[in-house]
Amino acid sequence: MATSFWSAAQGCCQRNAARVLFARPLKIASGRPFISFTFDDFPRSALHTGGAILERFGLRGTYYASLGLMGRTAPTGEIFTRDDATALVRRGHELGCHTFDHRHSWDTNTGVFTRSLIENTSALEALVPGARFNTFSYPISPPWPRTKRVVGSRFACARGGGQTFNAGTADLNYLRAYFLEKALDDPGAIKDVIEQNRAARGWLIFATHDVADSHTPYGCTPALFEDIVVSSLKSGARIVPVTDMSTISNADFLVEAVPEKLDIKRHALTEADRLLRDDVIIASNTSSIAMTTLAAMTKRPDRFVGMHFMNPVPMMALVEVIRALQTSEATFNLTMELGKKLGKTPVAVNDAPGFVSNRVLMPLINEAAYTVMEGVATPEAVDTVMKLGMNHPMGPLELADFIGLDVCVDIMHVLHEGLGDPKYRACPLLKKYVAAGYLGRKSGRGFHSYDK
């Protein structure tokens, strides 16, 4: 009995830690509330009935899909088909990700979870060419902290549970959601949370599964769903898909920090450029992509600049401020002043692949990986030599695990393509580890192994 009690207590503490660790703060400050409608597992009725209700009011929803469930009958209903996925995107809804085989967010080893996540993303991209998967939903439970970190490195945002709304400062790596099936016996409670969200000017994310008259225990009836949609509209809320970027339209200065993929950057910057006022400066937190290239993707290249923050941002004082070829003097000076107001030490850097930090650091990490691949030394030995012999606080392979091996490979590709020198070719061992899902600390295994 005592063992069971302490095990339950430990689990509770760990789950609470997952909600706090690896957070990406989002300040919700708007003159009106937001509401989103999301559907887990993407049952067919969620689109053909729930989606049709949203469309009747000119609205759209977000659907989280596990491709391993496609075409099957699951506890949450008859799951989507290939034609459903194509129709969903064509009709303007948002397609988001689960894991491929609906892995449990808490009980699954982070490495296994990561491989299933990558498999699902790749399969969805092949299924619906041209679609973008910017949002993730944790299957079944809150995530293990390292699992949350992996998800945060790959998606613009991730949705959990919590039976509440997001207000004040939310966590983009664990957005709270309100599951309709947990309040079916008390519809008044749903109306109450809509009113509370209105008063707080927050962001309420509704979640359900199937929408059918004979729904599963995880869904709701069309009549209830439509009633909730109507009540949401009457509250004055803006009804948006989860990653609708129009929420940034009131920003005075924007820092983009999406993953280091050029197509994702292009999509985010193009949308931001369209939504922001003409006088707003856009800064990119890219760690390697040429700032001049990114600036040219916008209609405000003179008001585009780089702000490369070091990780972990709250602890590291440095921020590289990078001039694109097009950056105006006024934009650059204002950005330097903003860096100081944030308590950082801004350092001026000209635009070149990798800037200063990664132009120097990444080849060191890459060469350390080669020494392991070629059998010169073990990862432990390489790190010990650099810590004790060169007085580095962390060995290069330990640091690579902390950064994320996938991030290291992406940066090496940028250096190789931008500078054209074969010395920047990513070590084959690094690429092999990434392909296997060994991404470092965030997946539980990289050059070193970490407890789950």
Protein backbone atom coordinates (compact mmCIF):
# COMPACT_ATOMS: atom_id res chain seq x y z
CA MET A 1 0.00 0.00 0.00
CA ALA A 2 2.82 2.43 0.93
CA THR A 3 4.67 1.61 -2.28
CA SER A 4 1.53 2.24 -4.31
CA PHE A 5 0.97 5.58 -2.55
CA TRP A 6 4.52 6.82 -3.16
CA SER A 7 4.42 5.62 -6.75
CA ALA A 8 1.22 7.59 -7.33
CA ALA A 9 2.70 10.64 -5.58
CA GLN A 10 5.85 10.45 -7.69
CA GLY A 11 3.78 10.18 -10.86
CA CYS A 12 1.75 13.23 -9.87
CA CYS A 13 4.92 15.28 -9.25
CA GLN A 14 6.44 14.19 -12.56
CA ARG A 15 3.30 15.08 -14.48
CA ASN A 16 3.22 18.51 -12.86
CA ALA A 17 6.88 18.92 -13.77
CA ALA A 18 6.02 18.14 -17.39
CA ARG A 19 3.65 21.10 -17.40
CA VAL A 20 6.36 23.45 -16.11
CA LEU A 21 9.58 22.28 -17.78
CA PHE A 22 10.55 23.14 -21.35
CA ALA A 23 7.85 25.78 -21.63
CA ARG A 24 7.61 28.27 -24.51
CA PRO A 25 5.71 31.25 -23.13
CA LEU A 26 2.98 32.89 -25.18
CA LYS A 27 1.51 36.09 -23.76
CA ILE A 28 -2.20 36.26 -24.54
CA ALA A 29 -3.04 39.95 -24.79
CA SER A 30 -5.97 40.77 -27.02
CA GLY A 31 -9.07 42.90 -26.88
CA ARG A 32 -11.28 39.87 -27.48
CA PRO A 33 -11.17 36.17 -26.56
CA PHE A 34 -10.19 33.31 -28.87
CA ILE A 35 -11.77 29.86 -29.23
CA SER A 36 -10.52 26.87 -31.25
CA PHE A 37 -12.26 23.59 -32.06
CA THR A 38 -10.04 20.50 -32.26
CA PHE A 39 -10.69 16.84 -33.00
CA ASP A 40 -8.39 14.05 -31.82
CA ASP A 41 -7.75 10.93 -33.94
CA PHE A 42 -9.71 12.47 -36.87
CA PRO A 43 -12.79 10.20 -36.90
CA ARG A 44 -14.72 10.55 -40.17
CA SER A 45 -17.73 12.06 -38.41
CA ALA A 46 -15.52 14.82 -37.01
CA LEU A 47 -15.10 16.15 -40.55
CA HIS A 48 -18.34 15.13 -42.24
CA THR A 49 -20.55 16.25 -39.35
CA GLY A 50 -18.46 18.43 -37.02
CA GLY A 51 -16.58 20.09 -39.87
CA ALA A 52 -19.81 20.71 -41.78
CA ILE A 53 -21.28 22.48 -38.75
CA LEU A 54 -18.21 24.72 -38.46
CA GLU A 55 -18.29 25.48 -42.19
CA ARG A 56 -21.94 26.48 -42.00
CA PHE A 57 -20.84 29.34 -39.73
CA GLY A 58 -17.78 30.15 -41.88
CA LEU A 59 -15.41 28.52 -39.36
CA ARG A 60 -12.65 25.91 -39.53
CA GLY A 61 -11.18 23.39 -37.07
CA THR A 62 -7.98 21.47 -36.34
CA TYR A 63 -7.78 17.68 -36.75
CA TYR A 64 -5.02 15.58 -35.16
CA ALA A 65 -4.29 12.42 -37.16
CA SER A 66 -2.45 9.15 -36.45
CA LEU A 67 -1.79 7.64 -39.86
CA GLY A 68 -1.49 4.17 -38.34
CA LEU A 69 -5.21 4.38 -37.51
CA MET A 70 -6.31 5.46 -41.01
CA GLY A 71 -9.22 3.45 -42.36
CA ARG A 72 -9.67 1.50 -39.12
CA THR A 73 -12.39 1.43 -36.51
CA ALA A 74 -10.99 2.70 -33.20
CA PRO A 75 -12.54 3.29 -29.76
CA THR A 76 -13.17 6.87 -30.96
CA GLY A 77 -15.09 5.81 -34.09
CA GLU A 78 -14.46 5.10 -37.76
CA ILE A 79 -11.17 6.80 -38.59
CA PHE A 80 -10.45 9.00 -41.63
CA THR A 81 -9.54 7.80 -45.11
CA ARG A 82 -7.05 9.19 -47.63
CA ASP A 83 -9.87 11.07 -49.39
CA ASP A 84 -10.98 12.55 -46.05
CA ALA A 85 -7.49 13.94 -45.38
CA THR A 86 -7.31 15.53 -48.83
CA ALA A 87 -10.83 16.96 -48.50
CA LEU A 88 -10.06 18.37 -45.04
CA VAL A 89 -7.14 20.44 -46.32
CA ARG A 90 -9.01 21.47 -49.49
CA ARG A 91 -11.90 22.75 -47.38
CA GLY A 92 -9.56 24.96 -45.34
CA HIS A 93 -9.30 23.00 -42.09
CA GLU A 94 -5.99 22.42 -40.32
CA LEU A 95 -4.35 18.99 -40.24
CA GLY A 96 -2.23 18.33 -37.14
CA CYS A 97 -0.17 15.42 -35.85
CA HIS A 98 -0.43 12.68 -33.28
CA THR A 99 2.14 9.88 -33.29
CA PHE A 100 1.89 7.24 -36.02
CA ASP A 101 0.50 4.50 -33.80
CA HIS A 102 -1.16 6.72 -31.16
CA ARG A 103 1.62 6.23 -28.61
CA HIS A 104 0.86 7.05 -24.98
CA SER A 105 2.57 10.37 -24.17
CA TRP A 106 3.53 9.35 -20.65
CA ASP A 107 4.12 5.59 -20.74
CA THR A 108 6.19 5.54 -23.94
CA ASN A 109 9.98 5.88 -23.89
CA THR A 110 10.94 9.25 -25.39
CA GLY A 111 13.08 7.67 -28.11
CA VAL A 112 10.27 5.35 -29.23
CA PHE A 113 7.79 8.24 -29.06
CA THR A 114 10.08 10.40 -31.19
CA ARG A 115 10.47 7.78 -33.89
CA SER A 116 6.68 7.32 -34.03
CA LEU A 117 6.22 11.11 -34.26
CA ILE A 118 8.73 11.39 -37.12
CA GLU A 119 7.13 8.44 -38.92
CA ASN A 120 3.69 10.04 -38.64
CA THR A 121 4.86 13.42 -39.94
CA SER A 122 6.60 11.83 -42.93
CA ALA A 123 3.60 9.63 -43.72
CA LEU A 124 1.17 12.56 -43.53
CA GLU A 125 3.40 14.66 -45.80
CA ALA A 126 3.35 11.84 -48.35
CA LEU A 127 -0.41 11.40 -47.97
CA VAL A 128 -1.27 15.09 -48.42
CA PRO A 129 1.52 16.74 -50.46
CA GLY A 130 1.91 20.42 -49.75
CA ALA A 131 0.10 20.32 -46.40
CA ARG A 132 1.91 21.78 -43.37
CA PHE A 133 1.83 20.14 -39.96
CA ASN A 134 2.53 22.87 -37.43
CA THR A 135 0.60 21.59 -34.41
CA PHE A 136 0.72 18.42 -32.31
CA SER A 137 -1.65 16.82 -29.79
CA TYR A 138 -0.31 14.63 -26.99
CA PRO A 139 -2.13 11.27 -27.14
CA ILE A 140 -3.92 10.10 -23.98
CA SER A 141 -1.97 11.91 -21.25
CA PRO A 142 0.42 14.74 -20.37
CA PRO A 143 3.91 14.09 -21.79
CA TRP A 144 7.15 13.10 -20.16
CA PRO A 145 9.28 16.28 -19.89
CA ARG A 146 11.82 15.15 -22.50
CA THR A 147 8.99 14.13 -24.81
CA LYS A 148 7.60 17.65 -24.45
CA ARG A 149 10.97 19.08 -25.40
CA VAL A 150 11.15 16.96 -28.57
CA VAL A 151 7.67 18.03 -29.59
CA GLY A 152 8.51 21.68 -28.92
CA SER A 153 11.51 21.49 -31.23
CA ARG A 154 9.39 20.23 -34.14
CA PHE A 155 6.04 22.02 -33.96
CA ALA A 156 4.80 25.58 -33.62
CA CYS A 157 2.58 24.48 -30.73
CA ALA A 158 1.30 21.40 -28.93
CA ARG A 159 -2.07 20.82 -27.28
CA GLY A 160 -2.72 18.86 -24.09
CA GLY A 161 -5.71 18.67 -21.74
CA GLY A 162 -6.52 20.24 -18.39
CA GLN A 163 -10.24 21.10 -18.66
CA THR A 164 -9.58 24.82 -18.68
CA PHE A 165 -8.65 27.69 -20.99
CA ASN A 166 -5.37 29.54 -21.59
CA ALA A 167 -5.08 33.03 -20.11
CA GLY A 168 -2.28 35.43 -19.24
CA THR A 169 0.84 33.54 -20.30
CA ALA A 170 0.25 30.17 -21.98
CA ASP A 171 2.78 27.45 -22.82
CA LEU A 172 3.02 26.78 -26.57
CA ASN A 173 4.51 23.37 -25.79
CA TYR A 174 1.48 22.43 -23.66
CA LEU A 175 -1.64 24.41 -24.48
CA ARG A 176 -4.58 23.62 -22.20
CA ALA A 177 -7.77 22.20 -23.71
CA TYR A 178 -11.32 21.49 -22.59
CA PHE A 179 -12.61 18.04 -23.58
CA LEU A 180 -16.34 18.08 -24.34
CA GLU A 181 -16.88 14.43 -23.45
CA LYS A 182 -15.90 15.13 -19.84
CA ALA A 183 -18.82 17.55 -19.48
CA LEU A 184 -21.60 15.77 -21.36
CA ASP A 185 -23.61 15.37 -18.16
CA ASP A 186 -23.34 19.08 -17.41
CA PRO A 187 -23.67 21.22 -20.57
CA GLY A 188 -24.01 24.25 -18.33
CA ALA A 189 -20.38 23.83 -17.32
CA ILE A 190 -19.38 24.23 -20.97
CA LYS A 191 -21.33 27.50 -21.21
CA ASP A 192 -19.66 28.64 -17.97
CA VAL A 193 -16.15 28.09 -19.33
CA ILE A 194 -17.06 30.03 -22.49
CA GLU A 195 -18.15 32.94 -20.30
CA GLN A 196 -15.03 32.70 -18.12
CA ASN A 197 -12.86 32.74 -21.25
CA ARG A 198 -14.74 35.82 -22.50
CA ALA A 199 -14.18 37.66 -19.22
CA ALA A 200 -10.47 36.74 -19.15
CA ARG A 201 -10.00 37.43 -22.88
CA GLY A 202 -8.25 34.11 -23.03
CA TRP A 203 -7.87 31.28 -25.51
CA LEU A 204 -10.28 28.38 -25.06
CA ILE A 205 -9.44 25.23 -27.04
CA PHE A 206 -12.29 22.74 -27.23
CA ALA A 207 -11.39 19.11 -27.92
CA THR A 208 -13.50 16.10 -28.84
CA HIS A 209 -13.37 13.04 -31.11
CA ASP A 210 -16.40 11.86 -33.09
CA VAL A 211 -19.53 13.97 -33.66
CA ALA A 212 -22.53 11.66 -34.13
CA ASP A 213 -25.98 10.96 -32.77
CA SER A 214 -24.70 7.57 -31.60
CA HIS A 215 -21.31 8.86 -30.54
CA THR A 216 -18.61 6.95 -28.69
CA PRO A 217 -17.82 7.76 -25.04
CA TYR A 218 -15.19 10.14 -26.39
CA GLY A 219 -17.45 12.23 -28.65
CA CYS A 220 -20.60 14.33 -28.60
CA THR A 221 -23.86 14.77 -30.51
CA PRO A 222 -24.20 17.16 -33.48
CA ALA A 223 -26.87 19.11 -31.56
CA LEU A 224 -24.55 19.73 -28.59
CA PHE A 225 -21.62 20.59 -30.83
CA GLU A 226 -23.64 23.14 -32.79
CA ASP A 227 -24.99 24.65 -29.56
CA ILE A 228 -21.41 25.13 -28.34
CA VAL A 229 -20.38 26.74 -31.63
CA VAL A 230 -23.31 29.18 -31.40
CA SER A 231 -22.52 30.00 -27.76
CA SER A 232 -18.88 30.59 -28.69
CA LEU A 233 -19.84 33.03 -31.42
CA LYS A 234 -22.26 34.87 -29.11
CA SER A 235 -19.40 35.36 -26.61
CA GLY A 236 -17.70 37.61 -29.14
CA ALA A 237 -14.73 35.27 -29.49
CA ARG A 238 -12.70 34.93 -32.65
CA ILE A 239 -12.94 31.28 -33.76
CA VAL A 240 -9.59 30.20 -35.21
CA PRO A 241 -7.66 27.02 -35.99
CA VAL A 242 -4.94 26.32 -33.41
CA THR A 243 -2.02 27.77 -35.39
CA ASP A 244 -3.89 30.68 -36.99
CA MET A 245 -1.25 33.41 -37.02
CA SER A 246 -3.68 36.30 -37.16
CA THR A 247 -3.32 36.58 -33.39
CA ILE A 248 0.03 38.37 -33.94
CA SER A 249 -1.52 41.29 -35.80
CA ASN A 250 -1.25 43.65 -32.80
CA ALA A 251 2.45 42.96 -32.15
CA ASP A 252 4.95 45.86 -32.06
CA PHE A 253 8.05 43.69 -32.62
CA LEU A 254 8.11 40.06 -33.79
CA VAL A 255 10.75 37.39 -33.16
CA GLU A 256 10.30 34.27 -35.34
CA ALA A 257 11.57 31.05 -33.76
CA VAL A 258 10.10 28.18 -35.80
CA PRO A 259 12.25 25.08 -36.58
CA GLU A 260 15.36 25.41 -38.79
CA LYS A 261 13.65 24.34 -42.02
CA LEU A 262 13.63 26.85 -44.86
CA ASP A 263 10.12 25.95 -46.05
CA ILE A 264 8.71 26.35 -42.53
CA LYS A 265 10.54 29.67 -42.14
CA ARG A 266 9.19 30.87 -45.49
CA HIS A 267 5.61 30.01 -44.55
CA ALA A 268 5.85 31.65 -41.11
CA LEU A 269 7.56 34.81 -42.37
CA THR A 270 5.23 35.26 -45.34
CA GLU A 271 2.19 34.98 -43.07
CA ALA A 272 3.71 37.31 -40.46
CA ASP A 273 4.59 39.85 -43.13
CA ARG A 274 1.00 39.80 -44.36
CA LEU A 275 -0.54 40.21 -40.90
CA LEU A 276 1.72 42.74 -39.19
CA ARG A 277 1.55 46.53 -39.48
CA ASP A 278 3.99 47.95 -42.04
CA ASP A 279 6.13 49.63 -39.37
CA VAL A 280 6.75 46.46 -37.31
CA ILE A 281 10.24 44.92 -37.32
CA ILE A 282 10.55 41.18 -37.89
CA ALA A 283 13.53 39.44 -36.27
CA SER A 284 14.51 35.84 -36.93
CA ASN A 285 16.07 33.61 -34.27
CA THR A 286 17.58 31.36 -36.94
CA SER A 287 20.88 29.88 -35.84
CA SER A 288 22.36 29.47 -39.32
CA ILE A 289 20.16 30.44 -42.30
CA ALA A 290 21.33 33.56 -44.16
CA MET A 291 19.45 36.60 -42.90
CA THR A 292 19.58 38.24 -46.33
CA THR A 293 17.72 35.24 -47.79
CA LEU A 294 15.03 35.43 -45.11
CA ALA A 295 14.67 39.20 -45.43
CA ALA A 296 14.01 38.81 -49.16
CA MET A 297 11.00 36.61 -48.37
CA THR A 298 9.22 39.63 -46.86
CA LYS A 299 7.94 42.95 -48.18
CA ARG A 300 9.84 44.80 -45.43
CA PRO A 301 13.49 43.74 -45.94
CA ASP A 302 14.76 47.01 -44.44
CA ARG A 303 12.83 46.17 -41.24
CA PHE A 304 14.19 42.63 -40.99
CA VAL A 305 17.04 41.61 -38.69
CA GLY A 306 18.50 38.59 -36.90
CA MET A 307 18.32 38.00 -33.15
CA HIS A 308 20.07 34.71 -32.42
CA PHE A 309 19.46 33.89 -28.76
CA MET A 310 21.61 31.25 -27.08
CA ASN A 311 20.02 28.17 -25.47
CA PRO A 312 18.79 28.03 -22.73
CA VAL A 313 17.58 31.58 -23.33
CA PRO A 314 16.78 32.50 -19.69
CA MET A 315 20.33 31.63 -18.58
CA MET A 316 22.51 32.77 -21.49
CA ALA A 317 23.45 36.44 -21.76
CA LEU A 318 24.49 36.56 -25.42
CA VAL A 319 22.31 37.46 -28.38
CA GLU A 320 23.89 37.81 -31.83
CA VAL A 321 22.26 40.69 -33.72
CA ILE A 322 22.73 40.05 -37.43
CA ARG A 323 22.40 42.59 -40.20
CA ALA A 324 20.87 41.36 -43.42
CA LEU A 325 22.18 43.14 -46.50
CA GLN A 326 18.87 45.04 -46.57
CA THR A 327 18.63 45.90 -42.82
CA SER A 328 18.33 49.63 -42.18
CA GLU A 329 20.46 51.40 -39.58
CA ALA A 330 17.33 52.36 -37.61
CA THR A 331 16.18 48.72 -37.47
CA PHE A 332 19.59 47.52 -36.35
CA ASN A 333 19.97 50.18 -33.63
CA LEU A 334 16.47 49.57 -32.24
CA THR A 335 17.14 45.82 -32.10
CA MET A 336 20.41 46.33 -30.23
CA GLU A 337 18.57 48.50 -27.69
CA LEU A 338 15.82 45.90 -27.32
CA GLY A 339 18.44 43.24 -26.60
CA LYS A 340 19.80 45.37 -23.74
CA LYS A 341 16.30 45.97 -22.35
CA LEU A 342 15.80 42.20 -22.28
CA GLY A 343 18.86 41.90 -20.03
CA LYS A 344 21.06 40.41 -22.76
CA THR A 345 24.43 41.38 -24.20
CA PRO A 346 23.82 42.06 -27.89
CA VAL A 347 26.81 41.57 -30.19
CA ALA A 348 26.78 42.93 -33.74
CA VAL A 349 27.48 40.30 -36.42
CA ASN A 350 27.38 40.53 -40.20
CA ASP A 351 25.37 38.07 -42.25
CA ALA A 352 27.18 34.84 -43.12
CA PRO A 353 26.21 31.15 -42.79
CA GLY A 354 26.30 30.17 -39.12
CA PHE A 355 27.19 33.76 -38.09
CA VAL A 356 29.98 33.55 -35.45
CA SER A 357 28.63 31.14 -32.85
CA ASN A 358 27.73 28.20 -35.08
CA ARG A 359 30.44 28.88 -37.68
CA VAL A 360 32.93 28.07 -34.91
CA LEU A 361 30.97 25.64 -32.72
CA MET A 362 29.40 23.25 -35.24
CA PRO A 363 32.64 22.17 -36.98
CA LEU A 364 34.01 21.37 -33.51
CA ILE A 365 31.01 19.16 -32.75
CA ASN A 366 31.18 17.61 -36.22
CA GLU A 367 34.88 16.74 -35.85
CA ALA A 368 34.21 15.26 -32.41
CA ALA A 369 31.59 13.02 -34.04
CA TYR A 370 34.15 11.92 -36.65
CA THR A 371 36.60 10.90 -33.91
CA VAL A 372 33.92 8.60 -32.48
CA MET A 373 32.91 7.22 -35.89
CA GLU A 374 36.56 6.50 -36.79
CA GLY A 375 37.24 4.78 -33.48
CA VAL A 376 39.72 7.37 -32.23
CA ALA A 377 37.95 7.60 -28.85
CA THR A 378 34.65 6.99 -27.10
CA PRO A 379 32.18 9.86 -26.61
CA GLU A 380 33.06 9.91 -22.91
CA ALA A 381 36.77 10.20 -23.72
CA VAL A 382 36.27 12.97 -26.27
CA ASP A 383 34.23 15.02 -23.80
CA THR A 384 36.71 14.45 -20.97
CA VAL A 385 39.64 15.61 -23.12
CA MET A 386 37.88 18.83 -24.03
CA LYS A 387 36.65 19.56 -20.50
CA LEU A 388 39.90 18.85 -18.68
CA GLY A 389 42.36 19.77 -21.43
CA MET A 390 40.63 22.83 -22.91
CA ASN A 391 38.65 23.91 -19.83
CA HIS A 392 35.30 23.69 -21.65
CA PRO A 393 32.34 23.50 -19.23
CA MET A 394 30.75 20.80 -21.42
CA GLY A 395 32.31 18.39 -23.86
CA PRO A 396 31.36 18.88 -27.53
CA LEU A 397 29.29 15.68 -27.73
CA GLU A 398 27.53 16.41 -24.45
CA LEU A 399 26.76 19.87 -25.83
CA ALA A 400 25.52 18.35 -29.11
CA ASP A 401 23.13 16.17 -27.14
CA PHE A 402 21.91 19.26 -25.30
CA ILE A 403 21.36 21.24 -28.52
CA GLY A 404 19.77 18.32 -30.36
CA LEU A 405 21.58 16.22 -32.95
CA ASP A 406 18.89 16.98 -35.53
CA VAL A 407 19.54 20.70 -35.05
CA CYS A 408 23.29 20.13 -35.43
CA VAL A 409 22.77 18.27 -38.70
CA ASP A 410 20.47 21.00 -40.04
CA ILE A 411 23.06 23.68 -39.24
CA MET A 412 25.88 21.67 -40.84
CA HIS A 413 23.78 21.35 -44.01
CA VAL A 414 23.30 25.15 -44.06
CA LEU A 415 27.05 25.73 -43.59
CA HIS A 416 27.91 23.20 -46.29
CA GLU A 417 25.44 24.66 -48.80
CA GLY A 418 26.25 28.29 -47.97
CA LEU A 419 30.04 28.06 -47.90
CA GLY A 420 30.58 25.22 -50.38
CA ASP A 421 33.49 23.78 -48.42
CA PRO A 422 33.49 19.98 -47.88
CA LYS A 423 34.87 20.47 -44.37
CA TYR A 424 31.30 21.39 -43.37
CA ARG A 425 29.87 18.06 -44.53
CA ALA A 426 27.81 16.59 -41.68
CA CYS A 427 29.42 13.52 -40.12
CA PRO A 428 27.66 10.33 -41.32
CA LEU A 429 27.38 9.14 -37.72
CA LEU A 430 25.46 12.29 -36.79
CA LYS A 431 23.02 11.71 -39.64
CA LYS A 432 22.65 8.04 -38.73
CA TYR A 433 21.77 8.91 -35.12
CA VAL A 434 19.13 11.41 -36.28
CA ALA A 435 17.61 8.85 -38.66
CA ALA A 436 17.35 6.43 -35.73
CA GLY A 437 15.61 9.03 -33.55
CA TYR A 438 18.65 9.45 -31.27
CA LEU A 439 18.40 13.21 -30.96
CA GLY A 440 20.20 13.75 -27.64
CA ARG A 441 18.80 14.73 -24.27
CA LYS A 442 15.34 15.51 -25.63
CA SER A 443 14.87 11.93 -26.88
CA GLY A 444 16.76 10.21 -24.03
CA ARG A 445 19.64 9.03 -26.20
CA GLY A 446 22.30 10.62 -28.38
CA PHE A 447 26.05 10.20 -28.01
CA HIS A 448 25.24 9.54 -24.36
CA SER A 449 22.24 7.83 -22.79
CA TYR A 450 19.91 9.62 -20.39
CA ASP A 451 17.28 8.38 -18.00
CA LYS A 452 13.73 8.57 -19.34
